[in-house]
Amino acid sequence: MSTSAARLIKQAVHLFEQIPYSLIAFIARFSIAAVFWKSGQTKVEGFAIDLVSGTFQFGAPKLAASTLPLFRTEYALPLLSPEVAAHLAAFAEHFFPVLILVGFATRFSALALIGMTLTIQLFVYPDAYPTHGTWLALLLLLVAKGPGRLSIDHLVARRYR
């Protein structure tokens, strides 16, 4: 390889290394939160937030009519009843994405969603490993490196240093 090509590659790598981690972490947080939130929205009725369309619906949330049948058949888990699993999944897919999005208790919330992802991979959709691998990569990034500066966790850490 010529020295000019090596120099160009070195400059490109240096340029890529200038991408702020906080930007990467925010995009990871937003993306993975959206995946789980949208899944959670399919499980409930009476509670909806769609930031794109500006639609808000805040009633008493309840499981959608299609949720329990899915947990009795397609989403059946070995250790939990369908009723318990459906309620836990609906709660987790709303609670942890909000925490991740605002960057509060990010590492612990990401760990919770890692557990959920592994459960889905092992017991529900074992052939969906490319999708679940992508989710795991984003969640592991957040566990390992944290939420970045654009987060409540960062503000709390700065306050107590």
N, C-alpha and C. Protein backbone atom coordinates (compact mmCIF):
# COMPACT_ATOMS: atom_id res chain seq x y z
N MET A 1 0.85 -1.17 0.00
CA MET A 1 0.00 0.00 0.00
C MET A 1 0.90 1.23 0.00
N SER A 2 0.53 2.21 -0.79
CA SER A 2 1.34 3.42 -0.87
C SER A 2 1.17 4.24 0.40
N THR A 3 2.15 5.08 0.64
CA THR A 3 2.10 5.91 1.85
C THR A 3 0.96 6.91 1.79
N SER A 4 0.59 7.37 0.59
CA SER A 4 -0.53 8.31 0.49
C SER A 4 -1.85 7.61 0.82
N ALA A 5 -2.02 6.36 0.39
CA ALA A 5 -3.23 5.60 0.72
C ALA A 5 -3.28 5.35 2.22
N ALA A 6 -2.14 5.00 2.81
CA ALA A 6 -2.09 4.76 4.25
C ALA A 6 -2.42 6.03 5.01
N ARG A 7 -1.94 7.15 4.53
CA ARG A 7 -2.21 8.44 5.17
C ARG A 7 -3.71 8.77 5.08
N LEU A 8 -4.32 8.52 3.93
CA LEU A 8 -5.75 8.77 3.76
C LEU A 8 -6.58 7.91 4.71
N ILE A 9 -6.20 6.64 4.82
CA ILE A 9 -6.91 5.74 5.73
C ILE A 9 -6.76 6.22 7.17
N LYS A 10 -5.56 6.62 7.54
CA LYS A 10 -5.31 7.11 8.89
C LYS A 10 -6.14 8.37 9.18
N GLN A 11 -6.22 9.27 8.20
CA GLN A 11 -7.02 10.48 8.37
C GLN A 11 -8.51 10.16 8.49
N ALA A 12 -8.96 9.21 7.68
CA ALA A 12 -10.38 8.82 7.75
C ALA A 12 -10.70 8.21 9.11
N VAL A 13 -9.84 7.34 9.60
CA VAL A 13 -10.06 6.72 10.91
C VAL A 13 -10.07 7.79 11.99
N HIS A 14 -9.15 8.74 11.90
CA HIS A 14 -9.11 9.82 12.88
C HIS A 14 -10.40 10.64 12.84
N LEU A 15 -10.91 10.89 11.63
CA LEU A 15 -12.17 11.62 11.48
C LEU A 15 -13.32 10.84 12.10
N PHE A 16 -13.38 9.53 11.86
CA PHE A 16 -14.43 8.70 12.44
C PHE A 16 -14.36 8.70 13.96
N GLU A 17 -13.18 8.74 14.51
CA GLU A 17 -13.00 8.73 15.96
C GLU A 17 -13.48 10.02 16.61
N GLN A 18 -13.73 11.05 15.81
CA GLN A 18 -14.21 12.33 16.34
C GLN A 18 -15.72 12.36 16.54
N ILE A 19 -16.42 11.32 16.09
CA ILE A 19 -17.87 11.26 16.31
C ILE A 19 -18.10 11.18 17.81
N PRO A 20 -18.85 12.11 18.38
CA PRO A 20 -19.04 12.11 19.83
C PRO A 20 -19.81 10.87 20.29
N TYR A 21 -19.30 10.25 21.35
CA TYR A 21 -19.99 9.08 21.89
C TYR A 21 -21.40 9.44 22.32
N SER A 22 -21.60 10.63 22.85
CA SER A 22 -22.93 11.02 23.30
C SER A 22 -23.95 10.99 22.17
N LEU A 23 -23.53 11.32 20.96
CA LEU A 23 -24.42 11.24 19.80
C LEU A 23 -24.74 9.79 19.48
N ILE A 24 -23.72 8.95 19.48
CA ILE A 24 -23.91 7.52 19.22
C ILE A 24 -24.84 6.92 20.27
N ALA A 25 -24.59 7.23 21.54
CA ALA A 25 -25.40 6.69 22.64
C ALA A 25 -26.84 7.18 22.54
N PHE A 26 -27.04 8.46 22.19
CA PHE A 26 -28.41 8.97 22.09
C PHE A 26 -29.16 8.25 20.97
N ILE A 27 -28.51 8.05 19.83
CA ILE A 27 -29.17 7.35 18.73
C ILE A 27 -29.47 5.90 19.13
N ALA A 28 -28.54 5.27 19.83
CA ALA A 28 -28.77 3.89 20.31
C ALA A 28 -29.94 3.86 21.28
N ARG A 29 -29.97 4.82 22.21
CA ARG A 29 -31.05 4.87 23.20
C ARG A 29 -32.40 5.09 22.54
N PHE A 30 -32.46 6.06 21.64
CA PHE A 30 -33.71 6.36 20.96
C PHE A 30 -34.18 5.15 20.14
N SER A 31 -33.27 4.54 19.41
CA SER A 31 -33.63 3.44 18.51
C SER A 31 -34.14 2.22 19.28
N ILE A 32 -33.41 1.81 20.30
CA ILE A 32 -33.82 0.60 21.02
C ILE A 32 -35.08 0.88 21.84
N ALA A 33 -35.21 2.09 22.37
CA ALA A 33 -36.43 2.44 23.10
C ALA A 33 -37.63 2.38 22.16
N ALA A 34 -37.48 2.85 20.94
CA ALA A 34 -38.58 2.83 19.98
C ALA A 34 -39.00 1.41 19.64
N VAL A 35 -38.04 0.51 19.49
CA VAL A 35 -38.35 -0.89 19.17
C VAL A 35 -39.24 -1.50 20.25
N PHE A 36 -38.83 -1.36 21.50
CA PHE A 36 -39.59 -1.97 22.59
C PHE A 36 -40.90 -1.24 22.85
N TRP A 37 -40.89 0.10 22.76
CA TRP A 37 -42.13 0.88 22.96
C TRP A 37 -43.18 0.46 21.95
N LYS A 38 -42.80 0.40 20.68
CA LYS A 38 -43.76 0.04 19.63
C LYS A 38 -44.31 -1.37 19.86
N SER A 39 -43.46 -2.28 20.31
CA SER A 39 -43.93 -3.62 20.62
C SER A 39 -44.91 -3.58 21.79
N GLY A 40 -44.59 -2.80 22.80
CA GLY A 40 -45.48 -2.67 23.95
C GLY A 40 -46.83 -2.09 23.57
N GLN A 41 -46.83 -1.16 22.62
CA GLN A 41 -48.08 -0.53 22.19
C GLN A 41 -49.03 -1.54 21.54
N THR A 42 -48.48 -2.61 20.94
CA THR A 42 -49.35 -3.63 20.34
C THR A 42 -50.03 -4.49 21.40
N LYS A 43 -49.55 -4.43 22.63
CA LYS A 43 -50.07 -5.28 23.70
C LYS A 43 -51.13 -4.61 24.56
N VAL A 44 -51.31 -3.29 24.42
CA VAL A 44 -52.23 -2.57 25.30
C VAL A 44 -53.23 -1.73 24.52
N GLU A 45 -54.30 -1.37 25.20
CA GLU A 45 -55.31 -0.43 24.69
C GLU A 45 -55.49 0.64 25.76
N GLY A 46 -55.82 1.84 25.33
CA GLY A 46 -56.11 2.91 26.28
C GLY A 46 -54.92 3.73 26.69
N PHE A 47 -53.74 3.44 26.15
CA PHE A 47 -52.54 4.19 26.49
C PHE A 47 -51.67 4.25 25.25
N ALA A 48 -51.52 5.43 24.67
CA ALA A 48 -50.74 5.53 23.45
C ALA A 48 -50.08 6.89 23.35
N ILE A 49 -48.84 6.89 22.91
CA ILE A 49 -48.11 8.12 22.61
C ILE A 49 -47.43 7.88 21.27
N ASP A 50 -47.74 8.73 20.31
CA ASP A 50 -47.08 8.68 19.01
C ASP A 50 -46.50 10.05 18.74
N LEU A 51 -45.20 10.21 18.96
CA LEU A 51 -44.57 11.50 18.81
C LEU A 51 -44.55 11.98 17.37
N VAL A 52 -44.55 11.07 16.42
CA VAL A 52 -44.51 11.45 15.01
C VAL A 52 -45.80 12.16 14.62
N SER A 53 -46.93 11.56 14.97
CA SER A 53 -48.22 12.16 14.59
C SER A 53 -48.74 13.14 15.65
N GLY A 54 -48.13 13.14 16.83
CA GLY A 54 -48.58 14.01 17.90
C GLY A 54 -49.82 13.51 18.60
N THR A 55 -50.07 12.20 18.52
CA THR A 55 -51.25 11.60 19.13
C THR A 55 -50.93 11.14 20.56
N PHE A 56 -51.81 11.51 21.49
CA PHE A 56 -51.66 11.09 22.88
C PHE A 56 -53.00 10.52 23.35
N GLN A 57 -52.96 9.38 24.02
CA GLN A 57 -54.17 8.80 24.59
C GLN A 57 -53.79 8.25 25.97
N PHE A 58 -54.35 8.83 27.01
CA PHE A 58 -54.01 8.43 28.37
C PHE A 58 -55.24 7.95 29.12
N GLY A 59 -55.69 6.77 28.81
CA GLY A 59 -56.76 6.16 29.58
C GLY A 59 -56.14 5.13 30.52
N ALA A 60 -56.97 4.39 31.19
CA ALA A 60 -56.47 3.30 32.02
C ALA A 60 -56.04 2.18 31.07
N PRO A 61 -54.74 1.90 31.01
CA PRO A 61 -54.30 0.88 30.06
C PRO A 61 -54.78 -0.51 30.46
N LYS A 62 -55.11 -1.28 29.46
CA LYS A 62 -55.47 -2.68 29.68
C LYS A 62 -54.88 -3.48 28.53
N LEU A 63 -54.76 -4.77 28.73
CA LEU A 63 -54.22 -5.61 27.67
C LEU A 63 -55.15 -5.60 26.46
N ALA A 64 -54.58 -5.55 25.29
CA ALA A 64 -55.37 -5.63 24.06
C ALA A 64 -55.99 -7.02 23.96
N ALA A 65 -57.08 -7.12 23.25
CA ALA A 65 -57.79 -8.40 23.12
C ALA A 65 -56.91 -9.49 22.51
N SER A 66 -55.98 -9.12 21.68
CA SER A 66 -55.13 -10.11 21.00
C SER A 66 -53.93 -10.55 21.84
N THR A 67 -53.67 -9.87 22.95
CA THR A 67 -52.44 -10.13 23.71
C THR A 67 -52.44 -11.49 24.41
N LEU A 68 -53.45 -11.77 25.20
CA LEU A 68 -53.47 -13.05 25.93
C LEU A 68 -53.46 -14.26 25.00
N PRO A 69 -54.24 -14.27 23.91
CA PRO A 69 -54.14 -15.42 23.00
C PRO A 69 -52.72 -15.62 22.45
N LEU A 70 -52.03 -14.53 22.16
CA LEU A 70 -50.64 -14.66 21.69
C LEU A 70 -49.74 -15.28 22.75
N PHE A 71 -49.93 -14.87 24.01
CA PHE A 71 -49.10 -15.41 25.09
C PHE A 71 -49.50 -16.84 25.45
N ARG A 72 -50.66 -17.26 25.06
CA ARG A 72 -51.07 -18.66 25.28
C ARG A 72 -50.52 -19.58 24.19
N THR A 73 -50.24 -19.02 23.02
CA THR A 73 -49.80 -19.85 21.89
C THR A 73 -48.39 -19.49 21.47
N GLU A 74 -48.26 -18.47 20.67
CA GLU A 74 -46.97 -18.12 20.06
C GLU A 74 -45.91 -17.68 21.05
N TYR A 75 -46.29 -16.93 22.08
CA TYR A 75 -45.34 -16.39 23.05
C TYR A 75 -45.27 -17.22 24.34
N ALA A 76 -45.76 -18.43 24.34
CA ALA A 76 -45.81 -19.25 25.55
C ALA A 76 -44.41 -19.43 26.14
N LEU A 77 -44.30 -19.18 27.43
CA LEU A 77 -43.03 -19.34 28.14
C LEU A 77 -43.13 -20.52 29.10
N PRO A 78 -42.00 -21.17 29.38
CA PRO A 78 -42.06 -22.38 30.20
C PRO A 78 -42.37 -22.16 31.68
N LEU A 79 -42.00 -21.03 32.26
CA LEU A 79 -42.12 -20.86 33.71
C LEU A 79 -43.19 -19.87 34.16
N LEU A 80 -43.78 -19.13 33.23
CA LEU A 80 -44.77 -18.12 33.60
C LEU A 80 -46.11 -18.41 32.95
N SER A 81 -47.16 -18.11 33.67
CA SER A 81 -48.49 -18.24 33.07
C SER A 81 -48.63 -17.18 31.98
N PRO A 82 -49.46 -17.41 30.98
CA PRO A 82 -49.66 -16.41 29.93
C PRO A 82 -50.13 -15.06 30.48
N GLU A 83 -50.98 -15.08 31.51
CA GLU A 83 -51.48 -13.84 32.09
C GLU A 83 -50.35 -13.02 32.72
N VAL A 84 -49.52 -13.68 33.50
CA VAL A 84 -48.40 -12.99 34.16
C VAL A 84 -47.40 -12.50 33.11
N ALA A 85 -47.05 -13.37 32.16
CA ALA A 85 -46.07 -13.00 31.13
C ALA A 85 -46.56 -11.83 30.30
N ALA A 86 -47.84 -11.81 29.94
CA ALA A 86 -48.40 -10.73 29.12
C ALA A 86 -48.33 -9.40 29.87
N HIS A 87 -48.70 -9.40 31.13
CA HIS A 87 -48.66 -8.16 31.91
C HIS A 87 -47.22 -7.69 32.13
N LEU A 88 -46.33 -8.62 32.44
CA LEU A 88 -44.92 -8.25 32.63
C LEU A 88 -44.32 -7.68 31.35
N ALA A 89 -44.59 -8.31 30.24
CA ALA A 89 -44.05 -7.84 28.96
C ALA A 89 -44.60 -6.45 28.62
N ALA A 90 -45.90 -6.27 28.78
CA ALA A 90 -46.50 -4.97 28.47
C ALA A 90 -45.91 -3.87 29.36
N PHE A 91 -45.73 -4.17 30.64
CA PHE A 91 -45.12 -3.20 31.55
C PHE A 91 -43.68 -2.91 31.15
N ALA A 92 -42.89 -3.96 30.97
CA ALA A 92 -41.46 -3.79 30.66
C ALA A 92 -41.24 -3.05 29.36
N GLU A 93 -42.09 -3.30 28.37
CA GLU A 93 -41.91 -2.66 27.07
C GLU A 93 -42.34 -1.19 27.05
N HIS A 94 -42.93 -0.74 28.14
CA HIS A 94 -43.25 0.68 28.28
C HIS A 94 -42.32 1.36 29.29
N PHE A 95 -42.06 0.72 30.40
CA PHE A 95 -41.29 1.32 31.49
C PHE A 95 -39.81 1.49 31.13
N PHE A 96 -39.14 0.42 30.74
CA PHE A 96 -37.70 0.48 30.49
C PHE A 96 -37.33 1.34 29.28
N PRO A 97 -38.10 1.33 28.20
CA PRO A 97 -37.76 2.24 27.09
C PRO A 97 -37.82 3.72 27.49
N VAL A 98 -38.77 4.08 28.34
CA VAL A 98 -38.84 5.49 28.79
C VAL A 98 -37.59 5.83 29.59
N LEU A 99 -37.19 4.94 30.50
CA LEU A 99 -35.98 5.18 31.28
C LEU A 99 -34.75 5.30 30.38
N ILE A 100 -34.65 4.40 29.41
CA ILE A 100 -33.51 4.44 28.49
C ILE A 100 -33.54 5.72 27.66
N LEU A 101 -34.68 6.11 27.17
CA LEU A 101 -34.79 7.30 26.33
C LEU A 101 -34.32 8.55 27.06
N VAL A 102 -34.73 8.73 28.31
CA VAL A 102 -34.31 9.91 29.06
C VAL A 102 -32.94 9.71 29.71
N GLY A 103 -32.43 8.50 29.66
CA GLY A 103 -31.10 8.23 30.21
C GLY A 103 -31.09 8.19 31.72
N PHE A 104 -32.08 7.53 32.31
CA PHE A 104 -32.13 7.38 33.76
C PHE A 104 -32.09 5.90 34.11
N ALA A 105 -31.15 5.52 34.96
CA ALA A 105 -30.92 4.11 35.30
C ALA A 105 -30.72 3.31 34.01
N THR A 106 -29.98 3.90 33.10
CA THR A 106 -29.83 3.36 31.75
C THR A 106 -29.23 1.97 31.74
N ARG A 107 -28.14 1.78 32.46
CA ARG A 107 -27.47 0.48 32.43
C ARG A 107 -28.38 -0.62 32.97
N PHE A 108 -29.10 -0.34 34.04
CA PHE A 108 -29.99 -1.34 34.63
C PHE A 108 -31.21 -1.60 33.74
N SER A 109 -31.72 -0.55 33.12
CA SER A 109 -32.84 -0.72 32.20
C SER A 109 -32.42 -1.52 30.98
N ALA A 110 -31.22 -1.25 30.48
CA ALA A 110 -30.70 -2.02 29.34
C ALA A 110 -30.52 -3.49 29.74
N LEU A 111 -30.06 -3.74 30.95
CA LEU A 111 -29.94 -5.13 31.42
C LEU A 111 -31.30 -5.83 31.45
N ALA A 112 -32.33 -5.11 31.89
CA ALA A 112 -33.67 -5.70 31.91
C ALA A 112 -34.11 -6.07 30.49
N LEU A 113 -33.85 -5.19 29.53
CA LEU A 113 -34.24 -5.47 28.14
C LEU A 113 -33.36 -6.54 27.51
N ILE A 114 -32.12 -6.68 27.98
CA ILE A 114 -31.28 -7.80 27.54
C ILE A 114 -31.92 -9.11 27.99
N GLY A 115 -32.38 -9.15 29.23
CA GLY A 115 -33.06 -10.35 29.73
C GLY A 115 -34.29 -10.66 28.91
N MET A 116 -35.05 -9.64 28.58
CA MET A 116 -36.26 -9.84 27.77
C MET A 116 -35.88 -10.32 26.36
N THR A 117 -34.86 -9.72 25.78
CA THR A 117 -34.41 -10.11 24.44
C THR A 117 -33.95 -11.57 24.42
N LEU A 118 -33.19 -11.96 25.43
CA LEU A 118 -32.71 -13.36 25.49
C LEU A 118 -33.87 -14.33 25.67
N THR A 119 -34.87 -13.93 26.45
CA THR A 119 -36.06 -14.77 26.63
C THR A 119 -36.79 -14.95 25.30
N ILE A 120 -36.96 -13.85 24.57
CA ILE A 120 -37.61 -13.92 23.26
C ILE A 120 -36.81 -14.81 22.32
N GLN A 121 -35.49 -14.62 22.32
CA GLN A 121 -34.63 -15.40 21.43
C GLN A 121 -34.69 -16.89 21.75
N LEU A 122 -34.61 -17.23 23.02
CA LEU A 122 -34.53 -18.63 23.42
C LEU A 122 -35.87 -19.36 23.36
N PHE A 123 -36.96 -18.66 23.72
CA PHE A 123 -38.23 -19.36 23.88
C PHE A 123 -39.31 -19.01 22.86
N VAL A 124 -39.17 -17.89 22.17
CA VAL A 124 -40.26 -17.46 21.29
C VAL A 124 -39.86 -17.50 19.82
N TYR A 125 -38.80 -16.78 19.47
CA TYR A 125 -38.37 -16.69 18.07
C TYR A 125 -36.89 -17.04 17.93
N PRO A 126 -36.53 -18.32 18.03
CA PRO A 126 -35.10 -18.68 17.96
C PRO A 126 -34.46 -18.40 16.60
N ASP A 127 -35.24 -18.27 15.55
CA ASP A 127 -34.67 -17.97 14.23
C ASP A 127 -34.46 -16.48 14.00
N ALA A 128 -34.82 -15.65 14.94
CA ALA A 128 -34.71 -14.20 14.77
C ALA A 128 -33.41 -13.65 15.34
N TYR A 129 -32.37 -14.47 15.37
CA TYR A 129 -31.10 -14.04 15.96
C TYR A 129 -30.48 -12.82 15.28
N PRO A 130 -30.66 -12.58 13.98
CA PRO A 130 -30.08 -11.33 13.43
C PRO A 130 -30.71 -10.08 14.05
N THR A 131 -32.01 -10.09 14.21
CA THR A 131 -32.70 -8.95 14.83
C THR A 131 -32.31 -8.84 16.30
N HIS A 132 -32.36 -9.94 17.01
CA HIS A 132 -32.05 -9.91 18.43
C HIS A 132 -30.57 -9.58 18.67
N GLY A 133 -29.72 -10.00 17.77
CA GLY A 133 -28.30 -9.64 17.87
C GLY A 133 -28.10 -8.14 17.76
N THR A 134 -28.86 -7.51 16.88
CA THR A 134 -28.79 -6.05 16.74
C THR A 134 -29.27 -5.38 18.02
N TRP A 135 -30.38 -5.86 18.57
CA TRP A 135 -30.87 -5.29 19.84
C TRP A 135 -29.83 -5.46 20.94
N LEU A 136 -29.26 -6.67 21.02
CA LEU A 136 -28.26 -6.93 22.06
C LEU A 136 -27.04 -6.03 21.91
N ALA A 137 -26.61 -5.79 20.68
CA ALA A 137 -25.45 -4.92 20.46
C ALA A 137 -25.71 -3.52 21.00
N LEU A 138 -26.87 -2.96 20.70
CA LEU A 138 -27.21 -1.63 21.21
C LEU A 138 -27.31 -1.62 22.73
N LEU A 139 -27.99 -2.63 23.28
CA LEU A 139 -28.16 -2.70 24.73
C LEU A 139 -26.83 -2.91 25.45
N LEU A 140 -25.98 -3.77 24.90
CA LEU A 140 -24.66 -4.00 25.51
C LEU A 140 -23.79 -2.75 25.44
N LEU A 141 -23.89 -1.99 24.36
CA LEU A 141 -23.17 -0.72 24.26
C LEU A 141 -23.59 0.19 25.42
N LEU A 142 -24.88 0.27 25.68
CA LEU A 142 -25.37 1.13 26.76
C LEU A 142 -24.95 0.62 28.13
N VAL A 143 -24.93 -0.70 28.32
CA VAL A 143 -24.48 -1.26 29.59
C VAL A 143 -22.99 -0.98 29.79
N ALA A 144 -22.21 -1.20 28.76
CA ALA A 144 -20.75 -1.08 28.87
C ALA A 144 -20.28 0.37 28.95
N LYS A 145 -20.86 1.24 28.14
CA LYS A 145 -20.35 2.61 28.03
C LYS A 145 -21.25 3.67 28.64
N GLY A 146 -22.48 3.31 28.99
CA GLY A 146 -23.39 4.27 29.59
C GLY A 146 -24.15 5.07 28.55
N PRO A 147 -25.02 5.98 29.03
CA PRO A 147 -25.94 6.69 28.14
C PRO A 147 -25.35 7.93 27.47
N GLY A 148 -24.15 8.33 27.85
CA GLY A 148 -23.57 9.55 27.29
C GLY A 148 -23.99 10.78 28.06
N ARG A 149 -23.52 11.94 27.57
CA ARG A 149 -23.75 13.21 28.28
C ARG A 149 -25.19 13.69 28.21
N LEU A 150 -25.92 13.31 27.17
CA LEU A 150 -27.30 13.77 27.00
C LEU A 150 -28.25 12.86 27.78
N SER A 151 -28.08 12.84 29.10
CA SER A 151 -28.85 11.91 29.93
C SER A 151 -28.97 12.41 31.36
N ILE A 152 -30.00 11.92 32.02
CA ILE A 152 -30.16 12.21 33.45
C ILE A 152 -29.05 11.54 34.24
N ASP A 153 -28.65 10.33 33.84
CA ASP A 153 -27.55 9.64 34.53
C ASP A 153 -26.30 10.50 34.57
N HIS A 154 -25.99 11.17 33.46
CA HIS A 154 -24.81 12.02 33.40
C HIS A 154 -24.94 13.19 34.39
N LEU A 155 -26.12 13.80 34.44
CA LEU A 155 -26.34 14.91 35.37
C LEU A 155 -26.20 14.45 36.82
N VAL A 156 -26.76 13.29 37.11
CA VAL A 156 -26.68 12.75 38.48
C VAL A 156 -25.22 12.43 38.84
N ALA A 157 -24.52 11.79 37.93
CA ALA A 157 -23.12 11.44 38.18
C ALA A 157 -22.27 12.70 38.39
N ARG A 158 -22.52 13.73 37.59
CA ARG A 158 -21.78 14.97 37.73
C ARG A 158 -22.05 15.64 39.07
N ARG A 159 -23.28 15.53 39.52
CA ARG A 159 -23.67 16.15 40.81
C ARG A 159 -22.98 15.47 41.98
N TYR A 160 -22.77 14.16 41.91
CA TYR A 160 -22.23 13.41 43.05
C TYR A 160 -20.78 13.01 42.90
N ARG A 161 -20.07 13.57 41.96
CA ARG A 161 -18.63 13.28 41.83
C ARG A 161 -17.85 13.99 42.87
